[in-house]
PDB file of N, CA and C in Angstrom:
ATOM      1  N   UNK A   1      87.999 118.046 109.726  1.00  0.00           N
ATOM      2  CA  UNK A   1      89.103 117.654 110.505  1.00  0.00           C
ATOM      3  C   UNK A   1      89.354 118.643 111.457  1.00  0.00           C
ATOM      4  N   UNK A   2      90.061 117.964 112.897  1.00  0.00           N
ATOM      5  CA  UNK A   2      90.405 118.799 113.601  1.00  0.00           C
ATOM      6  C   UNK A   2      91.892 119.398 113.276  1.00  0.00           C
ATOM      7  N   UNK A   3      92.105 120.843 113.995  1.00  0.00           N
ATOM      8  CA  UNK A   3      93.552 121.475 113.426  1.00  0.00           C
ATOM      9  C   UNK A   3      94.883 120.579 113.867  1.00  0.00           C
ATOM     10  N   UNK A   4      94.618 119.854 115.146  1.00  0.00           N
ATOM     11  CA  UNK A   4      95.159 118.656 115.264  1.00  0.00           C
ATOM     12  C   UNK A   4      95.822 117.924 114.546  1.00  0.00           C
ATOM     13  N   UNK A   5      94.568 116.826 113.808  1.00  0.00           N
ATOM     14  CA  UNK A   5      94.995 115.976 112.902  1.00  0.00           C
ATOM     15  C   UNK A   5      95.564 116.442 112.015  1.00  0.00           C
ATOM     16  N   UNK A   6      94.811 117.594 111.392  1.00  0.00           N
ATOM     17  CA  UNK A   6      95.413 117.645 110.287  1.00  0.00           C
ATOM     18  C   UNK A   6      96.811 118.505 109.989  1.00  0.00           C
ATOM     19  N   UNK A   7      97.451 118.647 111.109  1.00  0.00           N
ATOM     20  CA  UNK A   7      98.946 119.323 111.696  1.00  0.00           C
ATOM     21  C   UNK A   7      99.331 118.219 111.525  1.00  0.00           C
ATOM     22  N   UNK A   8      98.834 117.033 112.226  1.00  0.00           N
ATOM     23  CA  UNK A   8      99.846 115.740 112.298  1.00  0.00           C
ATOM     24  C   UNK A   8      99.745 114.986 110.619  1.00  0.00           C
ATOM     25  N   UNK A   9      98.915 115.313 109.748  1.00  0.00           N
ATOM     26  CA  UNK A   9      99.168 114.782 108.105  1.00  0.00           C
ATOM     27  C   UNK A   9     100.296 115.885 107.395  1.00  0.00           C
ATOM     28  N   UNK A  10     100.173 117.410 107.598  1.00  0.00           N
ATOM     29  CA  UNK A  10     100.884 118.480 107.534  1.00  0.00           C
ATOM     30  C   UNK A  10     102.208 117.640 107.886  1.00  0.00           C
ATOM     31  N   UNK A  11     102.499 117.183 108.994  1.00  0.00           N
ATOM     32  CA  UNK A  11     104.052 116.669 109.350  1.00  0.00           C
ATOM     33  C   UNK A  11     104.317 115.652 108.168  1.00  0.00           C
ATOM     34  N   UNK A  12     103.403 114.416 108.222  1.00  0.00           N
ATOM     35  CA  UNK A  12     103.638 112.999 107.688  1.00  0.00           C
ATOM     36  C   UNK A  12     104.011 113.704 105.922  1.00  0.00           C
ATOM     37  N   UNK A  13     103.634 114.526 105.471  1.00  0.00           N
ATOM     38  CA  UNK A  13     104.145 115.604 104.358  1.00  0.00           C
ATOM     39  C   UNK A  13     104.565 116.355 104.259  1.00  0.00           C
ATOM     40  N   UNK A  14     105.544 116.472 105.072  1.00  0.00           N
ATOM     41  CA  UNK A  14     106.328 117.866 105.334  1.00  0.00           C
ATOM     42  C   UNK A  14     107.977 117.263 104.303  1.00  0.00           C
ATOM     43  N   UNK A  15     108.757 118.515 104.092  1.00  0.00           N
ATOM     44  CA  UNK A  15     109.819 118.540 103.371  1.00  0.00           C
ATOM     45  C   UNK A  15     111.021 119.526 104.517  1.00  0.00           C
ATOM     46  N   UNK A  16     111.853 119.004 104.539  1.00  0.00           N
ATOM     47  CA  UNK A  16     112.658 117.348 104.693  1.00  0.00           C
ATOM     48  C   UNK A  16     111.696 116.668 105.377  1.00  0.00           C
ATOM     49  N   UNK A  17     112.038 115.237 105.054  1.00  0.00           N
ATOM     50  CA  UNK A  17     111.191 114.339 106.108  1.00  0.00           C
ATOM     51  C   UNK A  17     111.282 114.769 107.670  1.00  0.00           C
ATOM     52  N   UNK A  18     110.279 114.602 108.248  1.00  0.00           N
ATOM     53  CA  UNK A  18     109.905 114.794 109.909  1.00  0.00           C
ATOM     54  C   UNK A  18     110.435 113.620 110.290  1.00  0.00           C
ATOM     55  N   UNK A  19     111.501 113.220 111.375  1.00  0.00           N
ATOM     56  CA  UNK A  19     111.707 112.538 112.314  1.00  0.00           C
ATOM     57  C   UNK A  19     111.575 112.241 113.454  1.00  0.00           C
ATOM     58  N   UNK A  20     110.561 113.336 113.827  1.00  0.00           N
ATOM     59  CA  UNK A  20     110.164 112.956 115.206  1.00  0.00           C
ATOM     60  C   UNK A  20     108.848 113.517 115.364  1.00  0.00           C
ATOM     61  N   UNK A  21     108.012 112.370 114.520  1.00  0.00           N
ATOM     62  CA  UNK A  21     106.694 111.770 114.919  1.00  0.00           C
ATOM     63  C   UNK A  21     105.882 111.469 115.824  1.00  0.00           C
ATOM     64  N   UNK A  22     105.083 112.026 116.912  1.00  0.00           N
ATOM     65  CA  UNK A  22     104.678 111.955 117.969  1.00  0.00           C
ATOM     66  C   UNK A  22     103.695 110.418 117.749  1.00  0.00           C
ATOM     67  N   UNK A  23     103.870 109.257 118.042  1.00  0.00           N
ATOM     68  CA  UNK A  23     103.423 108.106 117.715  1.00  0.00           C
ATOM     69  C   UNK A  23     102.068 108.012 118.377  1.00  0.00           C
ATOM     70  N   UNK A  24     101.169 108.313 119.392  1.00  0.00           N
ATOM     71  CA  UNK A  24      99.999 109.025 120.077  1.00  0.00           C
ATOM     72  C   UNK A  24      98.988 109.822 119.550  1.00  0.00           C
ATOM     73  N   UNK A  25      99.856 111.031 118.801  1.00  0.00           N
ATOM     74  CA  UNK A  25      99.173 111.946 118.019  1.00  0.00           C
ATOM     75  C   UNK A  25      98.893 111.310 116.512  1.00  0.00           C
ATOM     76  N   UNK A  26      99.865 110.675 116.112  1.00  0.00           N
ATOM     77  CA  UNK A  26      99.736 109.859 114.820  1.00  0.00           C
ATOM     78  C   UNK A  26      98.350 108.480 114.920  1.00  0.00           C
ATOM     79  N   UNK A  27      98.341 108.252 115.497  1.00  0.00           N
ATOM     80  CA  UNK A  27      97.794 107.030 115.818  1.00  0.00           C
ATOM     81  C   UNK A  27      96.036 107.493 115.780  1.00  0.00           C
ATOM     82  N   UNK A  28      95.875 108.938 116.965  1.00  0.00           N
ATOM     83  CA  UNK A  28      94.913 109.319 117.161  1.00  0.00           C
ATOM     84  C   UNK A  28      94.300 109.777 115.749  1.00  0.00           C
ATOM     85  N   UNK A  29      95.411 110.958 114.843  1.00  0.00           N
ATOM     86  CA  UNK A  29      94.996 110.908 113.547  1.00  0.00           C
ATOM     87  C   UNK A  29      94.648 109.929 112.633  1.00  0.00           C
ATOM     88  N   UNK A  30      95.115 109.070 112.525  1.00  0.00           N
ATOM     89  CA  UNK A  30      94.552 107.793 111.421  1.00  0.00           C
ATOM     90  C   UNK A  30      93.256 107.319 112.045  1.00  0.00           C
ATOM     91  N   UNK A  31      93.258 107.109 113.470  1.00  0.00           N
ATOM     92  CA  UNK A  31      92.015 106.486 113.901  1.00  0.00           C
ATOM     93  C   UNK A  31      91.327 107.403 113.581  1.00  0.00           C
ATOM     94  N   UNK A  32      90.989 108.662 113.459  1.00  0.00           N
ATOM     95  CA  UNK A  32      90.130 109.777 112.875  1.00  0.00           C
ATOM     96  C   UNK A  32      89.651 109.482 111.459  1.00  0.00           C
ATOM     97  N   UNK A  33      90.441 109.416 110.824  1.00  0.00           N
ATOM     98  CA  UNK A  33      90.420 109.007 109.352  1.00  0.00           C
ATOM     99  C   UNK A  33      89.504 107.498 109.486  1.00  0.00           C
ATOM    100  N   UNK A  34      89.416 106.343 110.299  1.00  0.00           N
ATOM    101  CA  UNK A  34      88.803 105.801 110.062  1.00  0.00           C
ATOM    102  C   UNK A  34      89.974 104.334 110.517  1.00  0.00           C
ATOM    103  N   UNK A  35      91.081 104.481 110.494  1.00  0.00           N
ATOM    104  CA  UNK A  35      91.953 103.615 110.570  1.00  0.00           C
ATOM    105  C   UNK A  35      92.187 102.790 111.565  1.00  0.00           C
ATOM    106  N   UNK A  36      92.347 101.159 111.585  1.00  0.00           N
ATOM    107  CA  UNK A  36      92.309 100.531 112.689  1.00  0.00           C
ATOM    108  C   UNK A  36      93.637 100.832 113.099  1.00  0.00           C
ATOM    109  N   UNK A  37      93.936  99.962 114.430  1.00  0.00           N
ATOM    110  CA  UNK A  37      95.579 100.125 114.621  1.00  0.00           C
ATOM    111  C   UNK A  37      95.753  98.694 115.173  1.00  0.00           C
ATOM    112  N   UNK A  38      96.331  97.971 115.023  1.00  0.00           N
ATOM    113  CA  UNK A  38      97.157  96.711 115.981  1.00  0.00           C
ATOM    114  C   UNK A  38      98.492  96.854 116.139  1.00  0.00           C
ATOM    115  N   UNK A  39      98.933  96.696 117.648  1.00  0.00           N
ATOM    116  CA  UNK A  39     100.084  97.189 117.617  1.00  0.00           C
ATOM    117  C   UNK A  39     100.683  95.546 118.220  1.00  0.00           C
ATOM    118  N   UNK A  40     101.945  94.759 118.185  1.00  0.00           N
ATOM    119  CA  UNK A  40     102.517  93.782 118.638  1.00  0.00           C
ATOM    120  C   UNK A  40     103.296  93.896 119.738  1.00  0.00           C
ATOM    121  N   UNK A  41     103.800  93.221 120.221  1.00  0.00           N
ATOM    122  CA  UNK A  41     104.777  92.494 121.510  1.00  0.00           C
ATOM    123  C   UNK A  41     106.150  93.132 120.498  1.00  0.00           C
ATOM    124  N   UNK A  42     106.165  92.973 119.384  1.00  0.00           N
ATOM    125  CA  UNK A  42     107.405  92.696 118.543  1.00  0.00           C
ATOM    126  C   UNK A  42     107.881  94.165 117.957  1.00  0.00           C
ATOM    127  N   UNK A  43     106.958  95.235 118.709  1.00  0.00           N
ATOM    128  CA  UNK A  43     107.773  96.603 118.331  1.00  0.00           C
ATOM    129  C   UNK A  43     106.819  96.844 116.435  1.00  0.00           C
ATOM    130  N   UNK A  44     106.268  96.386 116.398  1.00  0.00           N
ATOM    131  CA  UNK A  44     105.243  96.927 115.251  1.00  0.00           C
ATOM    132  C   UNK A  44     104.027  96.808 115.281  1.00  0.00           C
ATOM    133  N   UNK A  45     103.432  98.022 114.094  1.00  0.00           N
ATOM    134  CA  UNK A  45     102.300  97.896 114.338  1.00  0.00           C
ATOM    135  C   UNK A  45     101.392  97.934 112.823  1.00  0.00           C
ATOM    136  N   UNK A  46     100.354  97.355 112.983  1.00  0.00           N
ATOM    137  CA  UNK A  46      99.762  97.176 111.804  1.00  0.00           C
ATOM    138  C   UNK A  46      98.647  98.186 111.251  1.00  0.00           C
ATOM    139  N   UNK A  47      98.748  99.220 110.245  1.00  0.00           N
ATOM    140  CA  UNK A  47      97.646  99.767 110.030  1.00  0.00           C
ATOM    141  C   UNK A  47      96.638  99.271 108.962  1.00  0.00           C
ATOM    142  N   UNK A  48      95.607  99.420 109.031  1.00  0.00           N
ATOM    143  CA  UNK A  48      94.380  98.988 108.261  1.00  0.00           C
ATOM    144  C   UNK A  48      93.935 100.399 107.777  1.00  0.00           C
ATOM    145  N   UNK A  49      93.526 100.470 106.891  1.00  0.00           N
ATOM    146  CA  UNK A  49      92.455 101.849 106.201  1.00  0.00           C
ATOM    147  C   UNK A  49      91.795 101.481 105.004  1.00  0.00           C
ATOM    148  N   UNK A  50      90.839 101.586 104.767  1.00  0.00           N
ATOM    149  CA  UNK A  50      89.911 101.213 103.588  1.00  0.00           C
ATOM    150  C   UNK A  50      90.196 100.154 103.308  1.00  0.00           C
ATOM    151  N   UNK A  51      90.621  98.744 103.545  1.00  0.00           N
ATOM    152  CA  UNK A  51      91.173  97.421 103.070  1.00  0.00           C
ATOM    153  C   UNK A  51      92.616  97.511 103.133  1.00  0.00           C
ATOM    154  N   UNK A  52      93.580  98.661 102.856  1.00  0.00           N
ATOM    155  CA  UNK A  52      94.445  98.784 102.848  1.00  0.00           C
ATOM    156  C   UNK A  52      95.463  98.258 103.927  1.00  0.00           C
ATOM    157  N   UNK A  53      96.922  97.799 104.107  1.00  0.00           N
ATOM    158  CA  UNK A  53      97.342  97.328 105.140  1.00  0.00           C
ATOM    159  C   UNK A  53      99.137  97.704 105.423  1.00  0.00           C
ATOM    160  N   UNK A  54      99.468  98.277 106.479  1.00  0.00           N
ATOM    161  CA  UNK A  54     100.629  98.988 106.347  1.00  0.00           C
ATOM    162  C   UNK A  54     100.991  98.658 107.952  1.00  0.00           C
ATOM    163  N   UNK A  55     102.404  97.917 107.457  1.00  0.00           N
ATOM    164  CA  UNK A  55     103.003  97.828 108.916  1.00  0.00           C
ATOM    165  C   UNK A  55     104.217  98.278 109.232  1.00  0.00           C
ATOM    166  N   UNK A  56     104.297  99.301 110.688  1.00  0.00           N
ATOM    167  CA  UNK A  56     105.341 100.381 110.593  1.00  0.00           C
ATOM    168  C   UNK A  56     105.697  99.495 111.783  1.00  0.00           C
ATOM    169  N   UNK A  57     107.227 100.201 112.293  1.00  0.00           N
ATOM    170  CA  UNK A  57     107.846 100.163 113.526  1.00  0.00           C
ATOM    171  C   UNK A  57     107.707 101.048 114.591  1.00  0.00           C
ATOM    172  N   UNK A  58     106.828 100.521 115.900  1.00  0.00           N
ATOM    173  CA  UNK A  58     106.561 101.630 116.571  1.00  0.00           C
ATOM    174  C   UNK A  58     107.816 102.044 117.756  1.00  0.00           C
ATOM    175  N   UNK A  59     107.699 103.023 118.227  1.00  0.00           N
ATOM    176  CA  UNK A  59     108.778 103.781 119.067  1.00  0.00           C
ATOM    177  C   UNK A  59     109.109 103.016 119.967  1.00  0.00           C
ATOM    178  N   UNK A  60     110.603 102.445 120.406  1.00  0.00           N
ATOM    179  CA  UNK A  60     111.155 101.576 121.489  1.00  0.00           C
ATOM    180  C   UNK A  60     111.652 102.392 122.669  1.00  0.00           C
ATOM    181  N   UNK A  61     112.270 103.741 122.289  1.00  0.00           N
ATOM    182  CA  UNK A  61     112.224 104.773 123.938  1.00  0.00           C
ATOM    183  C   UNK A  61     111.535 105.557 123.111  1.00  0.00           C
ATOM    184  N   UNK A  62     111.158 106.696 124.140  1.00  0.00           N
ATOM    185  CA  UNK A  62     110.411 108.110 123.946  1.00  0.00           C
ATOM    186  C   UNK A  62     108.651 108.045 123.052  1.00  0.00           C
ATOM    187  N   UNK A  63     108.357 108.544 122.565  1.00  0.00           N
ATOM    188  CA  UNK A  63     107.269 108.610 121.736  1.00  0.00           C
ATOM    189  C   UNK A  63     107.317 108.643 120.435  1.00  0.00           C
ATOM    190  N   UNK A  64     108.458 109.007 119.400  1.00  0.00           N
ATOM    191  CA  UNK A  64     108.365 109.573 118.506  1.00  0.00           C
ATOM    192  C   UNK A  64     108.904 108.475 117.338  1.00  0.00           C
ATOM    193  N   UNK A  65     108.074 108.547 116.557  1.00  0.00           N
ATOM    194  CA  UNK A  65     108.996 107.389 115.298  1.00  0.00           C
ATOM    195  C   UNK A  65     110.014 108.233 114.722  1.00  0.00           C
ATOM    196  N   UNK A  66     111.132 107.973 114.695  1.00  0.00           N
ATOM    197  CA  UNK A  66     112.183 107.974 113.969  1.00  0.00           C
ATOM    198  C   UNK A  66     112.502 108.221 112.746  1.00  0.00           C
ATOM    199  N   UNK A  67     112.311 106.815 112.054  1.00  0.00           N
ATOM    200  CA  UNK A  67     112.296 106.183 111.039  1.00  0.00           C
ATOM    201  C   UNK A  67     112.039 107.247 109.860  1.00  0.00           C
ATOM    202  N   UNK A  68     112.743 107.111 108.812  1.00  0.00           N
ATOM    203  CA  UNK A  68     112.677 108.178 107.607  1.00  0.00           C
ATOM    204  C   UNK A  68     111.597 106.810 106.741  1.00  0.00           C
ATOM    205  N   UNK A  69     111.995 105.891 106.625  1.00  0.00           N
ATOM    206  CA  UNK A  69     111.336 105.025 105.845  1.00  0.00           C
ATOM    207  C   UNK A  69     110.069 104.693 106.112  1.00  0.00           C
ATOM    208  N   UNK A  70     109.720 104.753 107.352  1.00  0.00           N
ATOM    209  CA  UNK A  70     108.651 104.197 108.035  1.00  0.00           C
ATOM    210  C   UNK A  70     107.405 106.007 107.823  1.00  0.00           C
ATOM    211  N   UNK A  71     108.451 107.106 107.762  1.00  0.00           N
ATOM    212  CA  UNK A  71     107.735 107.882 107.639  1.00  0.00           C
ATOM    213  C   UNK A  71     106.983 107.780 105.822  1.00  0.00           C
ATOM    214  N   UNK A  72     108.064 107.768 105.415  1.00  0.00           N
ATOM    215  CA  UNK A  72     108.017 107.519 103.962  1.00  0.00           C
ATOM    216  C   UNK A  72     106.895 106.834 103.825  1.00  0.00           C
ATOM    217  N   UNK A  73     106.925 105.406 103.929  1.00  0.00           N
ATOM    218  CA  UNK A  73     106.379 104.433 103.711  1.00  0.00           C
ATOM    219  C   UNK A  73     104.612 105.024 104.180  1.00  0.00           C
ATOM    220  N   UNK A  74     104.517 105.502 105.203  1.00  0.00           N
ATOM    221  CA  UNK A  74     103.287 106.435 105.907  1.00  0.00           C
ATOM    222  C   UNK A  74     102.620 106.976 104.542  1.00  0.00           C
ATOM    223  N   UNK A  75     103.609 107.992 104.347  1.00  0.00           N
ATOM    224  CA  UNK A  75     102.946 108.967 103.014  1.00  0.00           C
ATOM    225  C   UNK A  75     102.482 108.597 102.047  1.00  0.00           C
ATOM    226  N   UNK A  76     103.371 107.379 102.068  1.00  0.00           N
ATOM    227  CA  UNK A  76     102.952 106.563 100.125  1.00  0.00           C
ATOM    228  C   UNK A  76     101.149 106.272 100.699  1.00  0.00           C
ATOM    229  N   UNK A  77     101.242 105.697 101.681  1.00  0.00           N
ATOM    230  CA  UNK A  77     100.295 104.457 102.106  1.00  0.00           C
ATOM    231  C   UNK A  77      99.036 105.341 102.172  1.00  0.00           C
ATOM    232  N   UNK A  78      98.684 106.819 102.908  1.00  0.00           N
ATOM    233  CA  UNK A  78      97.923 107.945 102.767  1.00  0.00           C
ATOM    234  C   UNK A  78      97.641 108.558 102.138  1.00  0.00           C
ATOM    235  N   UNK A  79      98.492 108.761 101.037  1.00  0.00           N
ATOM    236  CA  UNK A  79      98.219 109.423  99.662  1.00  0.00           C
ATOM    237  C   UNK A  79      97.656 108.337  98.760  1.00  0.00           C
ATOM    238  N   UNK A  80      97.712 106.692  98.609  1.00  0.00           N
ATOM    239  CA  UNK A  80      97.204 106.026  98.315  1.00  0.00           C
ATOM    240  C   UNK A  80      95.720 106.202  98.687  1.00  0.00           C
ATOM    241  N   UNK A  81      95.119 106.606  99.706  1.00  0.00           N
ATOM    242  CA  UNK A  81      94.413 105.941 100.374  1.00  0.00           C
ATOM    243  C   UNK A  81      93.478 107.731 100.267  1.00  0.00           C
ATOM    244  N   UNK A  82      93.847 108.863  99.867  1.00  0.00           N
ATOM    245  CA  UNK A  82      93.175 109.931  99.438  1.00  0.00           C
ATOM    246  C   UNK A  82      93.415 110.781 100.421  1.00  0.00           C
ATOM    247  N   UNK A  83      94.223 110.943 101.256  1.00  0.00           N
ATOM    248  CA  UNK A  83      94.189 111.876 102.630  1.00  0.00           C
ATOM    249  C   UNK A  83      95.682 112.350 102.814  1.00  0.00           C
ATOM    250  N   UNK A  84      95.527 113.807 102.306  1.00  0.00           N
ATOM    251  CA  UNK A  84      96.154 114.518 102.005  1.00  0.00           C
ATOM    252  C   UNK A  84      95.776 115.624 103.040  1.00  0.00           C
ATOM    253  N   UNK A  85      97.153 116.426 102.966  1.00  0.00           N
ATOM    254  CA  UNK A  85      97.090 117.809 104.124  1.00  0.00           C
ATOM    255  C   UNK A  85      95.986 118.561 103.297  1.00  0.00           C
ATOM    256  N   UNK A  86      95.444 119.471 103.879  1.00  0.00           N
ATOM    257  CA  UNK A  86      94.045 120.142 103.073  1.00  0.00           C
ATOM    258  C   UNK A  86      94.797 121.563 102.635  1.00  0.00           C
ATOM    259  N   UNK A  87      96.079 122.106 102.743  1.00  0.00           N
ATOM    260  CA  UNK A  87      96.785 123.349 102.561  1.00  0.00           C
ATOM    261  C   UNK A  87      96.985 123.313 100.948  1.00  0.00           C
TER     262      UNK A  87
END
């Protein structure tokens, strides 16, 4: 795993919950792990990884995901798929 992808995964698992996760960097990291991401015109993204699905809101303005609920859902989703920080 590259340093950039590892840093993004660490940010998802950070305490306190990060409120400024860059959507483009997150998408790149998830695709690195084999996820497919389908974005809709309604501000939602469906992430599919190992047959599991998660839908989260995409940023409306700017580039960051600011919903802590979406970050927590993503954290639980990644943990269930066996993706954790290497530290």
